[in-house]
Amino acid sequence: MGVMAADAGGPTVKLVAGIDSSTQSCKVVVCDAGTGEIVREGRASHPDGAEIDPVAWESAAASAITAAGGFDDRRCCGMTPARPMRRRHW
């Protein structure tokens, strides 16, 4: 797991994935870990509105992952929130 054949009999490529879940959509890129080249990508929109059910965000992420070809062959994944989370000082 974590490698993908570039072509039949060709070299293997280590892949990493990134998810950007913003206020309007969820975007996924799968990149070659060695070169940073984007191998494939996917996108899915969030519903309109100021308050959105978290299930809709999860659904958009799943749709974007599927559109990007899935995650079965990637080594790791990182995700950014819609906006930076602030550290609370208690």
N, C-alpha and C. Protein backbone atom coordinates (compact mmCIF):
# COMPACT_ATOMS: atom_id res chain seq x y z
N MET A 1 0.84 -1.18 0.00
CA MET A 1 0.00 0.00 0.00
C MET A 1 0.89 1.25 0.00
N GLY A 2 0.41 2.30 -0.66
CA GLY A 2 1.15 3.53 -0.65
C GLY A 2 1.99 3.76 -1.88
N VAL A 3 1.99 2.84 -2.82
CA VAL A 3 2.72 3.04 -4.06
C VAL A 3 1.82 2.74 -5.24
N MET A 4 2.14 3.32 -6.37
CA MET A 4 1.35 3.11 -7.56
C MET A 4 2.31 2.90 -8.72
N ALA A 5 2.04 1.90 -9.55
CA ALA A 5 2.89 1.69 -10.73
C ALA A 5 2.63 2.80 -11.72
N ALA A 6 3.68 3.42 -12.22
CA ALA A 6 3.54 4.49 -13.21
C ALA A 6 2.98 3.93 -14.51
N ASP A 7 3.42 2.77 -14.89
CA ASP A 7 2.88 2.05 -16.04
C ASP A 7 3.27 0.59 -15.88
N ALA A 8 2.78 -0.27 -16.73
CA ALA A 8 3.08 -1.69 -16.61
C ALA A 8 4.58 -1.91 -16.66
N GLY A 9 5.13 -2.42 -15.59
CA GLY A 9 6.55 -2.68 -15.53
C GLY A 9 7.40 -1.46 -15.22
N GLY A 10 6.79 -0.29 -15.09
CA GLY A 10 7.52 0.95 -14.84
C GLY A 10 7.82 1.13 -13.37
N PRO A 11 8.46 2.24 -13.03
CA PRO A 11 8.82 2.50 -11.63
C PRO A 11 7.57 2.81 -10.80
N THR A 12 7.70 2.60 -9.50
CA THR A 12 6.60 2.94 -8.61
C THR A 12 6.75 4.38 -8.14
N VAL A 13 5.63 5.00 -7.84
CA VAL A 13 5.59 6.39 -7.42
C VAL A 13 4.91 6.45 -6.06
N LYS A 14 5.52 7.11 -5.08
CA LYS A 14 4.90 7.29 -3.77
C LYS A 14 3.98 8.49 -3.85
N LEU A 15 2.75 8.31 -3.42
CA LEU A 15 1.74 9.36 -3.51
C LEU A 15 1.35 9.87 -2.14
N VAL A 16 1.06 11.16 -2.07
CA VAL A 16 0.50 11.79 -0.89
C VAL A 16 -0.73 12.57 -1.33
N ALA A 17 -1.68 12.75 -0.43
CA ALA A 17 -2.91 13.45 -0.76
C ALA A 17 -3.13 14.61 0.19
N GLY A 18 -3.77 15.65 -0.32
CA GLY A 18 -4.12 16.80 0.50
C GLY A 18 -5.58 17.16 0.28
N ILE A 19 -6.26 17.54 1.35
CA ILE A 19 -7.67 17.93 1.28
C ILE A 19 -7.77 19.38 1.76
N ASP A 20 -8.45 20.21 1.00
CA ASP A 20 -8.73 21.59 1.40
C ASP A 20 -10.24 21.73 1.47
N SER A 21 -10.77 21.82 2.67
CA SER A 21 -12.21 21.98 2.85
C SER A 21 -12.47 23.44 3.20
N SER A 22 -12.97 24.18 2.22
CA SER A 22 -13.21 25.60 2.42
C SER A 22 -14.70 25.85 2.62
N THR A 23 -15.09 27.10 2.62
CA THR A 23 -16.50 27.43 2.84
C THR A 23 -17.38 27.08 1.64
N GLN A 24 -16.82 27.00 0.45
CA GLN A 24 -17.63 26.75 -0.74
C GLN A 24 -17.47 25.36 -1.31
N SER A 25 -16.32 24.71 -1.09
CA SER A 25 -16.12 23.40 -1.68
C SER A 25 -15.03 22.63 -0.95
N CYS A 26 -14.90 21.37 -1.33
CA CYS A 26 -13.84 20.51 -0.83
C CYS A 26 -13.00 20.11 -2.04
N LYS A 27 -11.68 20.33 -1.93
CA LYS A 27 -10.78 20.03 -3.03
C LYS A 27 -9.76 19.00 -2.56
N VAL A 28 -9.43 18.05 -3.44
CA VAL A 28 -8.47 17.00 -3.13
C VAL A 28 -7.41 16.97 -4.23
N VAL A 29 -6.15 16.91 -3.84
CA VAL A 29 -5.07 16.69 -4.80
C VAL A 29 -4.25 15.49 -4.34
N VAL A 30 -3.85 14.67 -5.28
CA VAL A 30 -2.97 13.54 -5.03
C VAL A 30 -1.69 13.84 -5.80
N CYS A 31 -0.56 13.87 -5.08
CA CYS A 31 0.71 14.30 -5.67
C CYS A 31 1.78 13.22 -5.55
N ASP A 32 2.74 13.29 -6.45
CA ASP A 32 3.94 12.48 -6.37
C ASP A 32 4.76 13.02 -5.20
N ALA A 33 5.04 12.18 -4.21
CA ALA A 33 5.76 12.63 -3.01
C ALA A 33 7.18 13.09 -3.33
N GLY A 34 7.76 12.55 -4.38
CA GLY A 34 9.13 12.91 -4.72
C GLY A 34 9.26 14.22 -5.47
N THR A 35 8.31 14.50 -6.36
CA THR A 35 8.42 15.68 -7.21
C THR A 35 7.42 16.77 -6.88
N GLY A 36 6.34 16.42 -6.17
CA GLY A 36 5.28 17.39 -5.88
C GLY A 36 4.30 17.54 -7.03
N GLU A 37 4.54 16.84 -8.13
CA GLU A 37 3.65 16.93 -9.30
C GLU A 37 2.26 16.40 -8.96
N ILE A 38 1.23 17.14 -9.36
CA ILE A 38 -0.15 16.69 -9.16
C ILE A 38 -0.43 15.56 -10.13
N VAL A 39 -0.83 14.41 -9.56
CA VAL A 39 -1.12 13.22 -10.35
C VAL A 39 -2.60 13.19 -10.74
N ARG A 40 -3.45 13.58 -9.79
CA ARG A 40 -4.89 13.65 -10.05
C ARG A 40 -5.53 14.54 -8.99
N GLU A 41 -6.75 14.99 -9.27
CA GLU A 41 -7.44 15.87 -8.33
C GLU A 41 -8.95 15.71 -8.46
N GLY A 42 -9.66 16.19 -7.45
CA GLY A 42 -11.13 16.15 -7.45
C GLY A 42 -11.67 17.31 -6.64
N ARG A 43 -12.95 17.61 -6.87
CA ARG A 43 -13.59 18.75 -6.20
C ARG A 43 -15.07 18.46 -6.05
N ALA A 44 -15.66 18.91 -4.95
CA ALA A 44 -17.11 18.82 -4.74
C ALA A 44 -17.56 20.04 -3.96
N SER A 45 -18.67 20.62 -4.36
CA SER A 45 -19.19 21.83 -3.73
C SER A 45 -19.95 21.52 -2.45
N HIS A 46 -19.91 22.50 -1.53
CA HIS A 46 -20.74 22.45 -0.33
C HIS A 46 -22.08 23.10 -0.67
N PRO A 47 -23.15 22.76 0.06
CA PRO A 47 -24.42 23.45 -0.16
C PRO A 47 -24.31 24.94 0.19
N ASP A 48 -25.16 25.76 -0.39
CA ASP A 48 -25.20 27.18 -0.06
C ASP A 48 -25.74 27.36 1.35
N GLY A 49 -25.33 28.44 1.98
CA GLY A 49 -25.86 28.77 3.29
C GLY A 49 -24.77 29.07 4.29
N ALA A 50 -25.13 29.80 5.32
CA ALA A 50 -24.18 30.18 6.36
C ALA A 50 -23.96 29.05 7.36
N GLU A 51 -25.01 28.27 7.61
CA GLU A 51 -24.90 27.15 8.54
C GLU A 51 -25.17 25.87 7.75
N ILE A 52 -24.17 25.00 7.72
CA ILE A 52 -24.27 23.78 6.93
C ILE A 52 -24.08 22.58 7.83
N ASP A 53 -24.94 21.59 7.65
CA ASP A 53 -24.85 20.35 8.42
C ASP A 53 -23.49 19.70 8.17
N PRO A 54 -22.77 19.30 9.22
CA PRO A 54 -21.46 18.66 9.04
C PRO A 54 -21.51 17.43 8.14
N VAL A 55 -22.64 16.76 8.07
CA VAL A 55 -22.78 15.60 7.20
C VAL A 55 -22.58 16.02 5.73
N ALA A 56 -23.01 17.23 5.38
CA ALA A 56 -22.83 17.72 4.02
C ALA A 56 -21.35 17.93 3.71
N TRP A 57 -20.58 18.39 4.69
CA TRP A 57 -19.13 18.56 4.51
C TRP A 57 -18.48 17.19 4.32
N GLU A 58 -18.89 16.22 5.13
CA GLU A 58 -18.34 14.87 5.01
C GLU A 58 -18.67 14.27 3.65
N SER A 59 -19.88 14.49 3.20
CA SER A 59 -20.30 13.99 1.89
C SER A 59 -19.49 14.64 0.77
N ALA A 60 -19.25 15.95 0.86
CA ALA A 60 -18.46 16.65 -0.15
C ALA A 60 -17.03 16.11 -0.16
N ALA A 61 -16.46 15.85 1.01
CA ALA A 61 -15.11 15.29 1.09
C ALA A 61 -15.06 13.92 0.42
N ALA A 62 -16.05 13.07 0.72
CA ALA A 62 -16.10 11.73 0.12
C ALA A 62 -16.23 11.83 -1.40
N SER A 63 -17.05 12.75 -1.88
CA SER A 63 -17.23 12.93 -3.32
C SER A 63 -15.94 13.43 -3.98
N ALA A 64 -15.26 14.36 -3.34
CA ALA A 64 -14.00 14.89 -3.89
C ALA A 64 -12.92 13.82 -3.91
N ILE A 65 -12.87 13.00 -2.87
CA ILE A 65 -11.90 11.90 -2.82
C ILE A 65 -12.17 10.91 -3.95
N THR A 66 -13.43 10.57 -4.15
CA THR A 66 -13.80 9.67 -5.24
C THR A 66 -13.43 10.28 -6.59
N ALA A 67 -13.73 11.57 -6.76
CA ALA A 67 -13.41 12.26 -8.02
C ALA A 67 -11.90 12.30 -8.29
N ALA A 68 -11.11 12.26 -7.20
CA ALA A 68 -9.65 12.27 -7.34
C ALA A 68 -9.09 10.85 -7.49
N GLY A 69 -9.95 9.87 -7.63
CA GLY A 69 -9.48 8.50 -7.84
C GLY A 69 -9.31 7.68 -6.58
N GLY A 70 -9.78 8.19 -5.46
CA GLY A 70 -9.68 7.45 -4.21
C GLY A 70 -8.33 7.58 -3.54
N PHE A 71 -8.22 6.97 -2.37
CA PHE A 71 -7.01 7.06 -1.57
C PHE A 71 -6.33 5.71 -1.36
N ASP A 72 -6.73 4.68 -2.06
CA ASP A 72 -6.17 3.36 -1.82
C ASP A 72 -4.67 3.27 -2.06
N ASP A 73 -4.13 4.11 -2.91
CA ASP A 73 -2.72 4.01 -3.28
C ASP A 73 -1.85 5.13 -2.73
N ARG A 74 -2.31 5.93 -1.80
CA ARG A 74 -1.51 7.03 -1.26
C ARG A 74 -0.91 6.63 0.07
N ARG A 75 0.20 7.30 0.41
CA ARG A 75 0.91 7.00 1.66
C ARG A 75 0.37 7.79 2.83
N CYS A 76 -0.03 9.03 2.62
CA CYS A 76 -0.53 9.84 3.73
C CYS A 76 -1.45 10.92 3.18
N CYS A 77 -2.14 11.58 4.07
CA CYS A 77 -3.08 12.63 3.69
C CYS A 77 -3.04 13.73 4.72
N GLY A 78 -3.15 14.98 4.26
CA GLY A 78 -3.24 16.13 5.15
C GLY A 78 -4.50 16.90 4.82
N MET A 79 -5.06 17.59 5.80
CA MET A 79 -6.30 18.34 5.58
C MET A 79 -6.20 19.71 6.22
N THR A 80 -6.73 20.72 5.52
CA THR A 80 -6.81 22.06 6.08
C THR A 80 -8.25 22.36 6.44
N PRO A 81 -8.50 23.05 7.55
CA PRO A 81 -9.87 23.43 7.88
C PRO A 81 -10.32 24.62 7.03
N ALA A 82 -11.60 24.94 7.10
CA ALA A 82 -12.15 26.06 6.34
C ALA A 82 -11.46 27.37 6.72
N ARG A 83 -11.10 27.52 7.95
CA ARG A 83 -10.33 28.69 8.39
C ARG A 83 -9.39 28.24 9.49
N PRO A 84 -8.29 28.91 9.66
CA PRO A 84 -7.34 28.48 10.69
C PRO A 84 -7.99 28.46 12.06
N MET A 85 -7.71 27.42 12.80
CA MET A 85 -8.23 27.31 14.16
C MET A 85 -7.31 28.10 15.07
N ARG A 86 -7.90 28.86 15.96
CA ARG A 86 -7.10 29.66 16.89
C ARG A 86 -6.88 28.89 18.18
N ARG A 87 -5.68 28.99 18.67
CA ARG A 87 -5.35 28.34 19.94
C ARG A 87 -5.99 29.14 21.05
N ARG A 88 -6.68 28.44 21.91
CA ARG A 88 -7.29 29.11 23.06
C ARG A 88 -6.37 29.07 24.25
N HIS A 89 -6.27 30.17 24.92
CA HIS A 89 -5.46 30.23 26.14
C HIS A 89 -6.43 30.27 27.32
N TRP A 90 -6.34 29.29 28.16
CA TRP A 90 -7.28 29.18 29.27
C TRP A 90 -6.75 29.87 30.49
